[in-house]
Amino acid sequence: ATLDGLTVGLLDITKARGDVFLDQIERHITARGARVVRYAKPTFTKVAPIDLRHEISEQCDVVIEALAD
């Protein structure tokens, strides 16, 4: 499947190794033609701040959130 023209947001909630997972996802997504934008929450213990959620919703067609340990 192609993702040509889509912008995919990758949200790291900042738990250990979430970035490693997102690195792999980014490789697969860009190989299918999407543009990737990376984001990170300030802490995994709270919901993403409203300004970060707004930025993601304005800039991305799709978002993937990484949970890992």
C-alpha atoms as a PDB file:
ATOM      1  CA  ALA A   1       0.000   0.000   0.000  1.00  0.00           C
ATOM      2  CA  THR A   2       1.183   3.496  -0.749  1.00  0.00           C
ATOM      3  CA  LEU A   3       1.101   6.423   1.611  1.00  0.00           C
ATOM      4  CA  ASP A   4       2.129   8.957  -1.032  1.00  0.00           C
ATOM      5  CA  GLY A   5       1.363  12.498  -0.005  1.00  0.00           C
ATOM      6  CA  LEU A   6       0.364  11.733   3.582  1.00  0.00           C
ATOM      7  CA  THR A   7       2.045  13.245   6.615  1.00  0.00           C
ATOM      8  CA  VAL A   8       2.367  10.763   9.458  1.00  0.00           C
ATOM      9  CA  GLY A   9       3.093  12.004  12.966  1.00  0.00           C
ATOM     10  CA  LEU A  10       5.065   9.722  15.252  1.00  0.00           C
ATOM     11  CA  LEU A  11       4.453  10.552  18.913  1.00  0.00           C
ATOM     12  CA  ASP A  12       6.991   9.252  21.416  1.00  0.00           C
ATOM     13  CA  ILE A  13       5.464   9.242  24.882  1.00  0.00           C
ATOM     14  CA  THR A  14       9.065   9.132  26.242  1.00  0.00           C
ATOM     15  CA  LYS A  15       8.986   5.679  27.792  1.00  0.00           C
ATOM     16  CA  ALA A  16      12.188   3.680  27.421  1.00  0.00           C
ATOM     17  CA  ARG A  17      12.834   2.357  23.894  1.00  0.00           C
ATOM     18  CA  GLY A  18       9.799   4.042  22.351  1.00  0.00           C
ATOM     19  CA  ASP A  19      12.182   5.914  20.066  1.00  0.00           C
ATOM     20  CA  VAL A  20      13.674   2.601  18.892  1.00  0.00           C
ATOM     21  CA  PHE A  21      10.205   1.382  17.909  1.00  0.00           C
ATOM     22  CA  LEU A  22       9.432   4.646  16.126  1.00  0.00           C
ATOM     23  CA  ASP A  23      12.739   4.507  14.212  1.00  0.00           C
ATOM     24  CA  GLN A  24      11.600   1.198  12.703  1.00  0.00           C
ATOM     25  CA  ILE A  25       8.105   2.500  11.952  1.00  0.00           C
ATOM     26  CA  GLU A  26       9.567   5.606  10.303  1.00  0.00           C
ATOM     27  CA  ARG A  27      11.676   3.484   7.937  1.00  0.00           C
ATOM     28  CA  HIS A  28       8.627   1.480   6.841  1.00  0.00           C
ATOM     29  CA  ILE A  29       6.406   4.535   6.420  1.00  0.00           C
ATOM     30  CA  THR A  30       8.889   6.595   4.414  1.00  0.00           C
ATOM     31  CA  ALA A  31       9.520   3.597   2.155  1.00  0.00           C
ATOM     32  CA  ARG A  32       5.826   3.762   1.275  1.00  0.00           C
ATOM     33  CA  GLY A  33       5.977   7.432   0.315  1.00  0.00           C
ATOM     34  CA  ALA A  34       4.807   9.295   3.407  1.00  0.00           C
ATOM     35  CA  ARG A  35       6.436  12.263   5.075  1.00  0.00           C
ATOM     36  CA  VAL A  36       7.158  11.672   8.770  1.00  0.00           C
ATOM     37  CA  VAL A  37       7.175  14.266  11.547  1.00  0.00           C
ATOM     38  CA  ARG A  38       8.406  13.244  15.015  1.00  0.00           C
ATOM     39  CA  TYR A  39       6.969  14.523  18.287  1.00  0.00           C
ATOM     40  CA  ALA A  40       7.611  13.749  21.952  1.00  0.00           C
ATOM     41  CA  LYS A  41       5.542  14.243  25.064  1.00  0.00           C
ATOM     42  CA  PRO A  42       7.320  15.995  27.932  1.00  0.00           C
ATOM     43  CA  THR A  43       6.454  13.060  30.238  1.00  0.00           C
ATOM     44  CA  PHE A  44       4.696   9.721  29.830  1.00  0.00           C
ATOM     45  CA  THR A  45       2.813  10.181  33.109  1.00  0.00           C
ATOM     46  CA  LYS A  46       0.427  12.839  31.753  1.00  0.00           C
ATOM     47  CA  VAL A  47      -1.582  13.380  28.580  1.00  0.00           C
ATOM     48  CA  ALA A  48       0.081  15.351  25.817  1.00  0.00           C
ATOM     49  CA  PRO A  49      -0.239  19.113  26.337  1.00  0.00           C
ATOM     50  CA  ILE A  50      -3.027  20.791  24.381  1.00  0.00           C
ATOM     51  CA  ASP A  51      -0.579  22.816  22.280  1.00  0.00           C
ATOM     52  CA  LEU A  52       1.240  19.637  21.218  1.00  0.00           C
ATOM     53  CA  ARG A  53      -2.036  17.906  20.354  1.00  0.00           C
ATOM     54  CA  HIS A  54      -3.112  20.939  18.334  1.00  0.00           C
ATOM     55  CA  GLU A  55       0.211  21.063  16.463  1.00  0.00           C
ATOM     56  CA  ILE A  56      -0.069  17.367  15.568  1.00  0.00           C
ATOM     57  CA  SER A  57      -3.675  17.728  14.408  1.00  0.00           C
ATOM     58  CA  GLU A  58      -2.764  20.690  12.198  1.00  0.00           C
ATOM     59  CA  GLN A  59       0.326  19.099  10.624  1.00  0.00           C
ATOM     60  CA  CYS A  60      -0.549  15.414  10.242  1.00  0.00           C
ATOM     61  CA  ASP A  61      -3.011  13.198   8.415  1.00  0.00           C
ATOM     62  CA  VAL A  62      -2.306  10.229  10.693  1.00  0.00           C
ATOM     63  CA  VAL A  63      -0.548   9.761  14.041  1.00  0.00           C
ATOM     64  CA  ILE A  64       1.107   6.720  15.602  1.00  0.00           C
ATOM     65  CA  GLU A  65       1.873   6.750  19.301  1.00  0.00           C
ATOM     66  CA  ALA A  66       4.734   4.620  20.671  1.00  0.00           C
ATOM     67  CA  LEU A  67       4.406   2.760  23.929  1.00  0.00           C
ATOM     68  CA  ALA A  68       7.424   0.704  24.940  1.00  0.00           C
ATOM     69  CA  ASP A  69       9.590  -0.390  27.848  1.00  0.00           C
END
